[in-house]
Protein backbone atom coordinates (compact mmCIF):
# COMPACT_ATOMS: atom_id res chain seq x y z
CA MET A 1 0.05 0.05 0.05
CA PRO A 2 1.57 3.40 -0.95
CA ARG A 3 1.80 5.92 1.96
CA PRO A 4 -0.77 8.64 1.62
CA ARG A 5 0.49 12.05 0.78
CA SER A 6 -1.20 13.59 3.60
CA LEU A 7 -3.35 12.57 6.57
CA ALA A 8 -6.16 14.42 8.54
CA PRO A 9 -6.30 13.91 12.09
CA ASP A 10 -9.62 12.22 11.65
CA GLN A 11 -7.95 9.82 9.36
CA LEU A 12 -5.25 8.94 11.98
CA ALA A 13 -7.82 8.74 14.70
CA ALA A 14 -10.00 6.43 12.69
CA THR A 15 -7.21 4.19 11.92
CA ALA A 16 -6.16 4.02 15.49
CA LEU A 17 -9.78 3.30 16.66
CA ALA A 18 -9.98 0.35 14.13
CA VAL A 19 -6.71 -0.95 15.80
CA ILE A 20 -8.29 -0.68 19.18
CA ASP A 21 -11.55 -2.11 18.03
CA ARG A 22 -9.83 -5.15 16.59
CA GLU A 23 -7.05 -5.74 19.16
CA GLY A 24 -8.00 -3.95 22.22
CA LEU A 25 -6.16 -1.04 23.94
CA THR A 26 -2.96 -2.96 24.47
CA GLY A 27 -2.79 -3.54 20.58
CA LEU A 28 -2.51 0.38 20.09
CA SER A 29 0.83 1.42 19.08
CA MET A 30 2.73 3.88 16.64
CA ARG A 31 4.02 0.85 14.87
CA ALA A 32 0.44 -0.76 14.61
CA VAL A 33 -1.19 2.29 13.25
CA ALA A 34 1.70 2.86 10.99
CA LYS A 35 1.37 -0.48 9.48
CA GLU A 36 -2.25 -0.20 9.33
CA LEU A 37 -1.70 3.04 7.13
CA GLY A 38 0.85 1.48 4.98
CA MET A 39 3.82 3.62 6.18
CA SER A 40 6.73 3.45 8.50
CA THR A 41 6.70 4.29 12.18
CA MET A 42 8.88 7.20 11.64
CA GLY A 43 6.68 8.50 8.83
CA LEU A 44 3.73 8.55 11.53
CA TYR A 45 5.86 10.88 13.47
CA ARG A 46 5.17 13.55 10.94
CA TYR A 47 1.67 13.86 11.94
CA VAL A 48 1.49 13.10 15.65
CA ARG A 49 4.35 13.66 18.34
CA ASP A 50 3.55 10.53 20.44
CA ARG A 51 1.17 7.76 21.34
CA GLU A 52 -0.61 10.34 23.66
CA GLU A 53 -1.30 12.69 21.01
CA LEU A 54 -2.83 9.69 19.01
CA GLU A 55 -4.91 8.68 22.13
CA ARG A 56 -6.52 12.27 22.20
CA LEU A 57 -7.38 12.25 18.69
CA VAL A 58 -9.19 8.87 19.14
CA VAL A 59 -11.12 10.33 22.21
CA GLU A 60 -11.98 13.25 20.24
CA LEU A 61 -13.22 11.13 17.23
CA VAL A 62 -15.50 8.83 19.60
CA LEU A 63 -16.86 11.99 21.56
CA GLY A 64 -17.24 14.04 18.50
CA ALA A 65 -20.21 11.83 17.72
CA VAL A 66 -22.02 12.74 20.95
CA ASP A 67 -24.92 15.25 20.51
CA THR A 68 -24.29 17.98 23.18
CA GLY A 69 -27.07 20.18 22.42
CA PRO A 70 -29.61 20.83 24.88
CA PRO A 71 -32.45 18.29 25.06
CA ASP A 72 -36.11 19.22 24.70
CA PRO A 73 -36.62 22.01 27.32
CA ALA A 74 -40.30 21.03 27.85
CA ALA A 75 -39.19 17.77 29.50
CA GLY A 76 -38.35 17.36 33.02
CA TRP A 77 -34.72 17.61 34.39
CA ARG A 78 -34.49 13.82 34.93
CA GLU A 79 -35.77 13.11 31.41
CA ARG A 80 -33.22 15.61 30.15
CA ILE A 81 -30.35 14.19 32.16
CA THR A 82 -31.19 10.74 30.81
CA VAL A 83 -31.11 11.73 27.30
CA MET A 84 -27.56 13.21 27.88
CA VAL A 85 -26.47 10.18 29.63
CA ARG A 86 -27.81 7.84 26.96
CA ARG A 87 -26.25 9.89 24.13
CA MET A 88 -22.80 9.24 25.81
CA ARG A 89 -23.56 5.72 26.28
CA ASP A 90 -24.40 5.15 22.71
CA ALA A 91 -21.13 6.65 21.28
CA VAL A 92 -18.76 5.30 23.79
CA GLY A 93 -20.54 1.90 24.09
CA SER A 94 -19.63 1.27 20.55
CA HIS A 95 -16.01 1.43 21.44
CA PRO A 96 -15.89 0.34 25.07
CA ALA A 97 -12.09 -0.23 24.96
CA VAL A 98 -11.71 3.50 24.57
CA VAL A 99 -13.02 4.11 27.99
CA PRO A 100 -9.83 4.34 29.85
CA LEU A 101 -8.50 6.78 27.33
CA ILE A 102 -11.51 8.94 27.81
CA ILE A 103 -10.79 8.74 31.55
CA ALA A 104 -7.05 9.66 31.21
CA HIS A 105 -7.70 12.51 28.82
CA ARG A 106 -10.98 14.05 30.02
CA HIS A 107 -9.44 17.15 31.11
CA HIS A 108 -8.20 17.76 27.69
CA SER A 109 -11.15 16.49 25.61
CA LEU A 110 -13.44 19.02 24.33
CA GLY A 111 -16.21 16.28 24.18
CA VAL A 112 -16.07 15.35 27.63
CA LEU A 113 -16.00 19.12 28.64
CA ARG A 114 -18.89 20.02 26.22
CA TRP A 115 -20.93 17.04 27.63
CA SER A 116 -20.34 17.94 31.25
CA GLU A 117 -21.06 21.52 30.72
CA ALA A 118 -24.54 20.62 29.15
CA VAL A 119 -25.29 18.28 32.20
CA LEU A 120 -24.42 20.97 34.63
CA VAL A 121 -26.73 23.39 33.02
CA ILE A 122 -29.46 20.94 33.78
CA LEU A 123 -28.24 20.40 37.22
CA ASP A 124 -28.13 24.28 37.81
CA GLU A 125 -31.92 24.47 36.95
CA THR A 126 -32.58 22.09 39.86
CA GLY A 127 -31.14 24.50 42.11
CA MET A 128 -28.31 21.98 42.84
CA ALA A 129 -24.83 23.81 43.19
CA GLY A 130 -21.57 23.59 45.36
CA GLU A 131 -20.50 20.37 46.62
CA ARG A 132 -23.54 18.55 45.73
CA ARG A 133 -23.33 19.49 42.13
CA VAL A 134 -19.77 18.23 41.98
CA VAL A 135 -20.77 14.97 43.40
CA ALA A 136 -23.95 14.68 41.09
CA LEU A 137 -21.79 15.11 37.99
CA ARG A 138 -19.05 12.53 39.22
CA ALA A 139 -21.84 10.15 40.20
CA LEU A 140 -23.50 10.42 36.86
CA LEU A 141 -19.90 9.91 34.89
CA GLY A 142 -19.44 7.09 37.28
CA HIS A 143 -22.36 5.32 36.38
CA LEU A 144 -22.03 5.78 32.93
CA ILE A 145 -18.21 4.58 32.95
CA GLY A 146 -18.82 1.62 35.14
CA ALA A 147 -21.94 0.40 33.48
CA ILE A 148 -20.21 0.37 29.98
CA GLN A 149 -17.27 -1.53 31.27
CA LEU A 150 -19.49 -3.97 33.18
CA GLU A 151 -21.55 -4.56 30.18
CA HIS A 152 -18.63 -5.65 28.00
CA LEU A 153 -16.17 -7.08 30.57
CA GLY A 154 -18.81 -8.74 32.83
CA SER A 155 -22.26 -8.88 31.39
CA LEU A 156 -25.09 -10.41 33.30
CA ALA A 157 -25.59 -12.33 30.24
CA GLY A 158 -22.10 -13.81 30.63
CA ALA A 159 -20.82 -17.04 32.07
CA GLY A 160 -19.94 -15.36 35.39
CA THR A 161 -23.76 -14.78 36.26
CA VAL A 162 -24.51 -18.52 35.42
CA ALA A 163 -21.52 -19.71 37.80
CA ILE A 164 -22.89 -17.60 40.76
CA SER A 165 -26.47 -18.71 40.18
CA GLU A 166 -25.31 -22.23 40.64
CA LEU A 167 -23.60 -21.51 44.01
CA PRO A 168 -24.69 -23.77 47.00
CA PRO A 169 -27.77 -22.04 48.44
CA ASP A 170 -27.01 -22.92 52.00
CA ALA A 171 -23.58 -20.90 51.63
CA PHE A 172 -24.74 -18.05 49.50
CA PRO A 173 -28.72 -17.83 49.14
CA HIS A 174 -28.75 -14.26 48.18
CA MET A 175 -25.90 -14.14 45.73
CA ALA A 176 -27.40 -17.32 44.12
CA ALA A 177 -31.12 -15.95 43.98
CA THR A 178 -29.87 -12.58 42.62
CA ALA A 179 -27.76 -14.06 40.06
CA ARG A 180 -30.69 -16.31 38.57
CA THR A 181 -32.84 -12.97 38.45
CA ALA A 182 -29.82 -11.13 36.92
CA ARG A 183 -29.89 -13.62 34.12
CA THR A 184 -33.14 -12.34 32.74
CA VAL A 185 -32.04 -8.58 32.86
CA ASP A 186 -30.78 -7.43 29.62
CA ALA A 187 -28.02 -4.57 29.38
CA ASP A 188 -30.41 -1.62 28.75
CA ARG A 189 -32.73 -2.54 31.57
CA GLU A 190 -29.56 -2.75 33.80
CA PHE A 191 -28.38 0.53 32.79
CA LEU A 192 -31.58 2.44 32.90
CA GLY A 193 -32.29 0.91 36.19
CA GLY A 194 -29.31 1.82 37.68
CA LEU A 195 -29.28 5.40 36.33
CA ALA A 196 -33.16 5.68 37.63
CA ILE A 197 -31.85 4.77 41.26
CA LEU A 198 -29.15 7.30 41.11
CA LEU A 199 -31.61 10.12 39.73
CA ASP A 200 -34.20 9.03 42.69
CA GLY A 201 -31.17 9.92 45.05
CA LEU A 202 -30.08 13.08 43.27
CA GLU A 203 -33.94 14.35 43.38
CA GLY A 204 -33.76 14.55 46.86
CA LEU A 205 -30.91 17.08 46.66
CA THR A 206 -32.80 19.39 44.33
CA GLY A 207 -34.75 22.46 44.91
CA PRO A 208 -34.12 25.93 46.69
CA GLY A 209 -32.66 24.47 49.74
CA THR A 210 -29.84 22.99 47.96
CA ALA A 211 -28.21 26.13 46.83
CA GLY A 212 -24.57 26.29 47.85
CA ARG A 213 -24.37 23.00 49.58
């Protein structure tokens, strides 16, 4: 394959993302991406300084697909938060191996910053502020990131749930019973159910009395 004359950042990011999707994050290297592009490793350094810059391009490519525009203003705050969280899940869930990169580069990612800004606007409207607003945003991000990783690394539909459901009921009655139920819960129900529980908790922190807390 002849080496391309010039490469746009999105082309580099798409190539690196293809490597990650196929081989996992451990498969990402300057050499692997250069090979995919049909160029030498040194040739790739004409476009990016190092792997870290390449990682940031990947993060921006994935998060660039997230719609950070405000949801329907006529909807309640819970519904709008759910819309924002689902948008992020849809984009990142298609490339779960990228999650560690998003965490590592979140302070530099315009995608993360824009999404977080949009969520904070909604939280502000509820009267939530100060420390509680900080914790609320982190809790939403924690659920989002954790749920994506669990779905792809420890799915309820996986062998682990089956194994737990077959534990001796005299030793682990609650674990075994819960796992048997878990086998009927699909990924969407798990994700949205967890989000609903989180939003129930946040709802108790909203209102005029929360300002400044």
